Amino acid sequence: KAFQDAGNARQQAARGTYDPAYLNYTMGKLMIRKLRDDWTGSRGGRQAWKLFNDEFLSFGGPPIPLVRSQMMPGPAGDLF
């Protein structure tokens, strides 16, 4: 169900139980997905994913809440 072989799925599930940094990865992924959904919602939905990717990556590597505040000015940018 995870679109990966059983061995890799077991390894990743186990890693999630003992690696404290795993939470950072997951939280970042969820924040990016939320930003993508919010940003593309008024720009054509999934059709705008490439534009979102280009815009998101143009900021380099600052914390995601800072990128969000630039990509979503106003109250929507302060979600995180």
PDB file of N, CA and C in Angstrom:
ATOM      1  N   LYS A   1       0.813  -1.199   0.000  1.00  0.00           N
ATOM      2  CA  LYS A   1       0.000   0.000   0.000  1.00  0.00           C
ATOM      3  C   LYS A   1       0.857   1.263   0.000  1.00  0.00           C
ATOM      4  N   ALA A   2       2.148   1.165   0.218  1.00  0.00           N
ATOM      5  CA  ALA A   2       3.014   2.346   0.260  1.00  0.00           C
ATOM      6  C   ALA A   2       3.785   2.524  -1.036  1.00  0.00           C
ATOM      7  N   PHE A   3       3.464   1.724  -2.049  1.00  0.00           N
ATOM      8  CA  PHE A   3       4.114   1.798  -3.352  1.00  0.00           C
ATOM      9  C   PHE A   3       5.618   1.567  -3.265  1.00  0.00           C
ATOM     10  N   GLN A   4       6.020   0.671  -2.372  1.00  0.00           N
ATOM     11  CA  GLN A   4       7.415   0.271  -2.264  1.00  0.00           C
ATOM     12  C   GLN A   4       7.456  -1.187  -1.823  1.00  0.00           C
ATOM     13  N   ASP A   5       8.602  -1.815  -2.033  1.00  0.00           N
ATOM     14  CA  ASP A   5       8.682  -3.228  -1.678  1.00  0.00           C
ATOM     15  C   ASP A   5       8.572  -3.399  -0.164  1.00  0.00           C
ATOM     16  N   ALA A   6       8.196  -4.604   0.244  1.00  0.00           N
ATOM     17  CA  ALA A   6       7.923  -4.888   1.660  1.00  0.00           C
ATOM     18  C   ALA A   6       9.147  -4.627   2.549  1.00  0.00           C
ATOM     19  N   GLY A   7      10.341  -4.977   2.082  1.00  0.00           N
ATOM     20  CA  GLY A   7      11.553  -4.779   2.874  1.00  0.00           C
ATOM     21  C   GLY A   7      11.815  -3.314   3.161  1.00  0.00           C
ATOM     22  N   ASN A   8      11.701  -2.498   2.148  1.00  0.00           N
ATOM     23  CA  ASN A   8      11.914  -1.056   2.327  1.00  0.00           C
ATOM     24  C   ASN A   8      10.823  -0.459   3.220  1.00  0.00           C
ATOM     25  N   ALA A   9       9.591  -0.898   3.045  1.00  0.00           N
ATOM     26  CA  ALA A   9       8.497  -0.388   3.880  1.00  0.00           C
ATOM     27  C   ALA A   9       8.739  -0.718   5.350  1.00  0.00           C
ATOM     28  N   ARG A  10       9.185  -1.948   5.639  1.00  0.00           N
ATOM     29  CA  ARG A  10       9.489  -2.334   7.023  1.00  0.00           C
ATOM     30  C   ARG A  10      10.618  -1.486   7.589  1.00  0.00           C
ATOM     31  N   GLN A  11      11.658  -1.277   6.776  1.00  0.00           N
ATOM     32  CA  GLN A  11      12.807  -0.485   7.218  1.00  0.00           C
ATOM     33  C   GLN A  11      12.381   0.952   7.546  1.00  0.00           C
ATOM     34  N   GLN A  12      11.576   1.555   6.695  1.00  0.00           N
ATOM     35  CA  GLN A  12      11.145   2.932   6.935  1.00  0.00           C
ATOM     36  C   GLN A  12      10.201   3.031   8.138  1.00  0.00           C
ATOM     37  N   ALA A  13       9.346   2.034   8.311  1.00  0.00           N
ATOM     38  CA  ALA A  13       8.459   2.022   9.478  1.00  0.00           C
ATOM     39  C   ALA A  13       9.279   1.913  10.762  1.00  0.00           C
ATOM     40  N   ALA A  14      10.282   1.069  10.757  1.00  0.00           N
ATOM     41  CA  ALA A  14      11.143   0.924  11.936  1.00  0.00           C
ATOM     42  C   ALA A  14      11.921   2.216  12.185  1.00  0.00           C
ATOM     43  N   ARG A  15      12.434   2.814  11.135  1.00  0.00           N
ATOM     44  CA  ARG A  15      13.189   4.060  11.284  1.00  0.00           C
ATOM     45  C   ARG A  15      12.332   5.144  11.931  1.00  0.00           C
ATOM     46  N   GLY A  16      11.076   5.187  11.569  1.00  0.00           N
ATOM     47  CA  GLY A  16      10.176   6.176  12.127  1.00  0.00           C
ATOM     48  C   GLY A  16       9.959   6.013  13.625  1.00  0.00           C
ATOM     49  N   THR A  17      10.270   4.838  14.151  1.00  0.00           N
ATOM     50  CA  THR A  17      10.064   4.609  15.584  1.00  0.00           C
ATOM     51  C   THR A  17      11.288   4.933  16.427  1.00  0.00           C
ATOM     52  N   TYR A  18      12.481   5.012  15.820  1.00  0.00           N
ATOM     53  CA  TYR A  18      13.681   5.256  16.631  1.00  0.00           C
ATOM     54  C   TYR A  18      14.496   6.469  16.211  1.00  0.00           C
ATOM     55  N   ASP A  19      14.227   7.054  15.072  1.00  0.00           N
ATOM     56  CA  ASP A  19      15.020   8.180  14.580  1.00  0.00           C
ATOM     57  C   ASP A  19      14.276   9.490  14.849  1.00  0.00           C
ATOM     58  N   PRO A  20      14.727  10.300  15.832  1.00  0.00           N
ATOM     59  CA  PRO A  20      14.013  11.535  16.147  1.00  0.00           C
ATOM     60  C   PRO A  20      13.968  12.528  14.984  1.00  0.00           C
ATOM     61  N   ALA A  21      14.928  12.464  14.087  1.00  0.00           N
ATOM     62  CA  ALA A  21      14.942  13.390  12.956  1.00  0.00           C
ATOM     63  C   ALA A  21      13.863  13.053  11.929  1.00  0.00           C
ATOM     64  N   TYR A  22      13.309  11.855  11.999  1.00  0.00           N
ATOM     65  CA  TYR A  22      12.267  11.448  11.053  1.00  0.00           C
ATOM     66  C   TYR A  22      11.064  12.383  11.145  1.00  0.00           C
ATOM     67  N   LEU A  23      10.765  12.872  12.341  1.00  0.00           N
ATOM     68  CA  LEU A  23       9.648  13.799  12.522  1.00  0.00           C
ATOM     69  C   LEU A  23       9.882  15.082  11.736  1.00  0.00           C
ATOM     70  N   ASN A  24      11.119  15.579  11.717  1.00  0.00           N
ATOM     71  CA  ASN A  24      11.425  16.813  10.976  1.00  0.00           C
ATOM     72  C   ASN A  24      11.144  16.639   9.492  1.00  0.00           C
ATOM     73  N   TYR A  25      11.551  15.505   8.951  1.00  0.00           N
ATOM     74  CA  TYR A  25      11.313  15.210   7.537  1.00  0.00           C
ATOM     75  C   TYR A  25       9.814  15.198   7.254  1.00  0.00           C
ATOM     76  N   THR A  26       9.069  14.489   8.090  1.00  0.00           N
ATOM     77  CA  THR A  26       7.626  14.361   7.880  1.00  0.00           C
ATOM     78  C   THR A  26       6.925  15.704   8.039  1.00  0.00           C
ATOM     79  N   MET A  27       7.304  16.463   9.053  1.00  0.00           N
ATOM     80  CA  MET A  27       6.683  17.769   9.271  1.00  0.00           C
ATOM     81  C   MET A  27       6.954  18.708   8.097  1.00  0.00           C
ATOM     82  N   GLY A  28       8.185  18.723   7.619  1.00  0.00           N
ATOM     83  CA  GLY A  28       8.522  19.548   6.467  1.00  0.00           C
ATOM     84  C   GLY A  28       7.729  19.159   5.238  1.00  0.00           C
ATOM     85  N   LYS A  29       7.602  17.862   5.015  1.00  0.00           N
ATOM     86  CA  LYS A  29       6.841  17.373   3.862  1.00  0.00           C
ATOM     87  C   LYS A  29       5.388  17.823   3.957  1.00  0.00           C
ATOM     88  N   LEU A  30       4.796  17.717   5.131  1.00  0.00           N
ATOM     89  CA  LEU A  30       3.405  18.130   5.305  1.00  0.00           C
ATOM     90  C   LEU A  30       3.235  19.639   5.125  1.00  0.00           C
ATOM     91  N   MET A  31       4.209  20.411   5.591  1.00  0.00           N
ATOM     92  CA  MET A  31       4.141  21.867   5.432  1.00  0.00           C
ATOM     93  C   MET A  31       4.236  22.261   3.955  1.00  0.00           C
ATOM     94  N   ILE A  32       5.107  21.589   3.213  1.00  0.00           N
ATOM     95  CA  ILE A  32       5.244  21.882   1.781  1.00  0.00           C
ATOM     96  C   ILE A  32       3.975  21.492   1.043  1.00  0.00           C
ATOM     97  N   ARG A  33       3.408  20.347   1.372  1.00  0.00           N
ATOM     98  CA  ARG A  33       2.169  19.933   0.705  1.00  0.00           C
ATOM     99  C   ARG A  33       1.030  20.904   0.983  1.00  0.00           C
ATOM    100  N   LYS A  34       0.931  21.395   2.213  1.00  0.00           N
ATOM    101  CA  LYS A  34      -0.109  22.361   2.560  1.00  0.00           C
ATOM    102  C   LYS A  34       0.102  23.662   1.792  1.00  0.00           C
ATOM    103  N   LEU A  35       1.346  24.120   1.728  1.00  0.00           N
ATOM    104  CA  LEU A  35       1.649  25.324   0.966  1.00  0.00           C
ATOM    105  C   LEU A  35       1.314  25.123  -0.506  1.00  0.00           C
ATOM    106  N   ARG A  36       1.691  23.973  -1.044  1.00  0.00           N
ATOM    107  CA  ARG A  36       1.396  23.688  -2.456  1.00  0.00           C
ATOM    108  C   ARG A  36      -0.109  23.717  -2.708  1.00  0.00           C
ATOM    109  N   ASP A  37      -0.885  23.089  -1.839  1.00  0.00           N
ATOM    110  CA  ASP A  37      -2.334  23.067  -2.022  1.00  0.00           C
ATOM    111  C   ASP A  37      -2.924  24.469  -1.946  1.00  0.00           C
ATOM    112  N   ASP A  38      -2.458  25.255  -0.981  1.00  0.00           N
ATOM    113  CA  ASP A  38      -2.971  26.612  -0.832  1.00  0.00           C
ATOM    114  C   ASP A  38      -2.571  27.494  -2.014  1.00  0.00           C
ATOM    115  N   TRP A  39      -1.312  27.391  -2.425  1.00  0.00           N
ATOM    116  CA  TRP A  39      -0.794  28.243  -3.498  1.00  0.00           C
ATOM    117  C   TRP A  39      -1.430  27.896  -4.840  1.00  0.00           C
ATOM    118  N   THR A  40      -1.537  26.602  -5.131  1.00  0.00           N
ATOM    119  CA  THR A  40      -2.076  26.193  -6.428  1.00  0.00           C
ATOM    120  C   THR A  40      -3.602  26.254  -6.471  1.00  0.00           C
ATOM    121  N   GLY A  41      -4.236  26.379  -5.308  1.00  0.00           N
ATOM    122  CA  GLY A  41      -5.698  26.423  -5.267  1.00  0.00           C
ATOM    123  C   GLY A  41      -6.287  27.551  -6.096  1.00  0.00           C
ATOM    124  N   SER A  42      -5.587  28.649  -6.181  1.00  0.00           N
ATOM    125  CA  SER A  42      -6.087  29.788  -6.960  1.00  0.00           C
ATOM    126  C   SER A  42      -5.332  29.948  -8.281  1.00  0.00           C
ATOM    127  N   ARG A  43      -4.565  28.931  -8.638  1.00  0.00           N
ATOM    128  CA  ARG A  43      -3.749  29.028  -9.858  1.00  0.00           C
ATOM    129  C   ARG A  43      -3.922  27.823 -10.782  1.00  0.00           C
ATOM    130  N   GLY A  44      -5.043  27.166 -10.685  1.00  0.00           N
ATOM    131  CA  GLY A  44      -5.311  26.058 -11.603  1.00  0.00           C
ATOM    132  C   GLY A  44      -5.109  24.677 -11.013  1.00  0.00           C
ATOM    133  N   GLY A  45      -4.908  24.587  -9.718  1.00  0.00           N
ATOM    134  CA  GLY A  45      -4.765  23.280  -9.084  1.00  0.00           C
ATOM    135  C   GLY A  45      -3.520  22.539  -9.546  1.00  0.00           C
ATOM    136  N   ARG A  46      -3.687  21.269  -9.814  1.00  0.00           N
ATOM    137  CA  ARG A  46      -2.554  20.410 -10.165  1.00  0.00           C
ATOM    138  C   ARG A  46      -1.809  20.909 -11.408  1.00  0.00           C
ATOM    139  N   GLN A  47      -2.498  21.612 -12.273  1.00  0.00           N
ATOM    140  CA  GLN A  47      -1.854  22.147 -13.483  1.00  0.00           C
ATOM    141  C   GLN A  47      -0.725  23.126 -13.126  1.00  0.00           C
ATOM    142  N   ALA A  48      -0.789  23.720 -11.923  1.00  0.00           N
ATOM    143  CA  ALA A  48       0.193  24.724 -11.515  1.00  0.00           C
ATOM    144  C   ALA A  48       1.311  24.141 -10.652  1.00  0.00           C
ATOM    145  N   TRP A  49       1.372  22.826 -10.517  1.00  0.00           N
ATOM    146  CA  TRP A  49       2.405  22.222  -9.662  1.00  0.00           C
ATOM    147  C   TRP A  49       3.810  22.580 -10.121  1.00  0.00           C
ATOM    148  N   LYS A  50       4.065  22.604 -11.427  1.00  0.00           N
ATOM    149  CA  LYS A  50       5.408  22.949 -11.900  1.00  0.00           C
ATOM    150  C   LYS A  50       5.737  24.400 -11.551  1.00  0.00           C
ATOM    151  N   LEU A  51       4.775  25.290 -11.732  1.00  0.00           N
ATOM    152  CA  LEU A  51       4.996  26.692 -11.359  1.00  0.00           C
ATOM    153  C   LEU A  51       5.277  26.810  -9.864  1.00  0.00           C
ATOM    154  N   PHE A  52       4.532  26.038  -9.057  1.00  0.00           N
ATOM    155  CA  PHE A  52       4.773  26.044  -7.621  1.00  0.00           C
ATOM    156  C   PHE A  52       6.193  25.580  -7.322  1.00  0.00           C
ATOM    157  N   ASN A  53       6.589  24.489  -7.936  1.00  0.00           N
ATOM    158  CA  ASN A  53       7.922  23.935  -7.699  1.00  0.00           C
ATOM    159  C   ASN A  53       9.005  24.955  -8.048  1.00  0.00           C
ATOM    160  N   ASP A  54       8.874  25.583  -9.193  1.00  0.00           N
ATOM    161  CA  ASP A  54       9.861  26.582  -9.613  1.00  0.00           C
ATOM    162  C   ASP A  54       9.918  27.751  -8.633  1.00  0.00           C
ATOM    163  N   GLU A  55       8.742  28.225  -8.223  1.00  0.00           N
ATOM    164  CA  GLU A  55       8.676  29.349  -7.288  1.00  0.00           C
ATOM    165  C   GLU A  55       9.249  28.953  -5.927  1.00  0.00           C
ATOM    166  N   PHE A  56       8.854  27.788  -5.427  1.00  0.00           N
ATOM    167  CA  PHE A  56       9.312  27.322  -4.122  1.00  0.00           C
ATOM    168  C   PHE A  56      10.834  27.177  -4.097  1.00  0.00           C
ATOM    169  N   LEU A  57      11.393  26.556  -5.122  1.00  0.00           N
ATOM    170  CA  LEU A  57      12.834  26.336  -5.164  1.00  0.00           C
ATOM    171  C   LEU A  57      13.624  27.629  -5.391  1.00  0.00           C
ATOM    172  N   SER A  58      12.976  28.658  -5.920  1.00  0.00           N
ATOM    173  CA  SER A  58      13.687  29.919  -6.172  1.00  0.00           C
ATOM    174  C   SER A  58      14.128  30.602  -4.876  1.00  0.00           C
ATOM    175  N   PHE A  59      13.556  30.207  -3.748  1.00  0.00           N
ATOM    176  CA  PHE A  59      13.913  30.816  -2.465  1.00  0.00           C
ATOM    177  C   PHE A  59      15.141  30.174  -1.830  1.00  0.00           C
ATOM    178  N   GLY A  60      15.625  29.099  -2.390  1.00  0.00           N
ATOM    179  CA  GLY A  60      16.777  28.421  -1.801  1.00  0.00           C
ATOM    180  C   GLY A  60      16.336  27.501  -0.678  1.00  0.00           C
ATOM    181  N   GLY A  61      16.951  27.645   0.503  1.00  0.00           N
ATOM    182  CA  GLY A  61      16.653  26.721   1.583  1.00  0.00           C
ATOM    183  C   GLY A  61      16.287  27.330   2.919  1.00  0.00           C
ATOM    184  N   PRO A  62      15.577  28.471   2.955  1.00  0.00           N
ATOM    185  CA  PRO A  62      15.185  28.999   4.264  1.00  0.00           C
ATOM    186  C   PRO A  62      14.074  28.146   4.881  1.00  0.00           C
ATOM    187  N   PRO A  63      13.775  28.376   6.154  1.00  0.00           N
ATOM    188  CA  PRO A  63      12.683  27.633   6.780  1.00  0.00           C
ATOM    189  C   PRO A  63      11.375  27.792   5.995  1.00  0.00           C
ATOM    190  N   ILE A  64      10.607  26.749   5.951  1.00  0.00           N
ATOM    191  CA  ILE A  64       9.383  26.740   5.147  1.00  0.00           C
ATOM    192  C   ILE A  64       8.406  27.851   5.556  1.00  0.00           C
ATOM    193  N   PRO A  65       8.231  28.163   6.845  1.00  0.00           N
ATOM    194  CA  PRO A  65       7.321  29.269   7.167  1.00  0.00           C
ATOM    195  C   PRO A  65       7.744  30.604   6.535  1.00  0.00           C
ATOM    196  N   LEU A  66       9.048  30.834   6.375  1.00  0.00           N
ATOM    197  CA  LEU A  66       9.492  32.065   5.710  1.00  0.00           C
ATOM    198  C   LEU A  66       9.150  32.043   4.225  1.00  0.00           C
ATOM    199  N   VAL A  67       9.323  30.903   3.590  1.00  0.00           N
ATOM    200  CA  VAL A  67       8.959  30.781   2.175  1.00  0.00           C
ATOM    201  C   VAL A  67       7.456  30.988   2.029  1.00  0.00           C
ATOM    202  N   ARG A  68       6.693  30.377   2.931  1.00  0.00           N
ATOM    203  CA  ARG A  68       5.235  30.521   2.884  1.00  0.00           C
ATOM    204  C   ARG A  68       4.826  31.987   2.982  1.00  0.00           C
ATOM    205  N   SER A  69       5.460  32.731   3.884  1.00  0.00           N
ATOM    206  CA  SER A  69       5.091  34.140   4.049  1.00  0.00           C
ATOM    207  C   SER A  69       5.376  34.953   2.787  1.00  0.00           C
ATOM    208  N   GLN A  70       6.347  34.529   1.994  1.00  0.00           N
ATOM    209  CA  GLN A  70       6.653  35.221   0.741  1.00  0.00           C
ATOM    210  C   GLN A  70       5.733  34.779  -0.394  1.00  0.00           C
ATOM    211  N   MET A  71       5.392  33.508  -0.414  1.00  0.00           N
ATOM    212  CA  MET A  71       4.548  32.987  -1.490  1.00  0.00           C
ATOM    213  C   MET A  71       3.066  33.263  -1.257  1.00  0.00           C
ATOM    214  N   MET A  72       2.682  33.405   0.012  1.00  0.00           N
ATOM    215  CA  MET A  72       1.279  33.617   0.367  1.00  0.00           C
ATOM    216  C   MET A  72       1.179  34.867   1.242  1.00  0.00           C
ATOM    217  N   PRO A  73       1.373  36.050   0.683  1.00  0.00           N
ATOM    218  CA  PRO A  73       1.326  37.255   1.509  1.00  0.00           C
ATOM    219  C   PRO A  73      -0.045  37.428   2.159  1.00  0.00           C
ATOM    220  N   GLY A  74      -0.037  38.030   3.320  1.00  0.00           N
ATOM    221  CA  GLY A  74      -1.285  38.250   4.048  1.00  0.00           C
ATOM    222  C   GLY A  74      -1.495  37.189   5.112  1.00  0.00           C
ATOM    223  N   PRO A  75      -2.707  37.091   5.629  1.00  0.00           N
ATOM    224  CA  PRO A  75      -2.986  36.150   6.729  1.00  0.00           C
ATOM    225  C   PRO A  75      -2.712  34.700   6.353  1.00  0.00           C
ATOM    226  N   ALA A  76      -2.901  34.306   5.104  1.00  0.00           N
ATOM    227  CA  ALA A  76      -2.654  32.912   4.700  1.00  0.00           C
ATOM    228  C   ALA A  76      -1.194  32.547   4.818  1.00  0.00           C
ATOM    229  N   GLY A  77      -0.301  33.536   4.757  1.00  0.00           N
ATOM    230  CA  GLY A  77       1.123  33.277   4.866  1.00  0.00           C
ATOM    231  C   GLY A  77       1.575  33.005   6.283  1.00  0.00           C
ATOM    232  N   ASP A  78       0.722  33.284   7.252  1.00  0.00           N
ATOM    233  CA  ASP A  78       1.076  33.111   8.653  1.00  0.00           C
ATOM    234  C   ASP A  78       0.516  31.814   9.238  1.00  0.00           C
ATOM    235  N   LEU A  79       0.162  30.877   8.398  1.00  0.00           N
ATOM    236  CA  LEU A  79      -0.492  29.652   8.868  1.00  0.00           C
ATOM    237  C   LEU A  79       0.400  28.841   9.789  1.00  0.00           C
ATOM    238  N   PHE A  80       1.695  28.838   9.558  1.00  0.00           N
ATOM    239  CA  PHE A  80       2.586  28.016  10.386  1.00  0.00           C
ATOM    240  C   PHE A  80       3.347  28.864  11.357  1.00  0.00           C
TER     241      PHE A  80
END
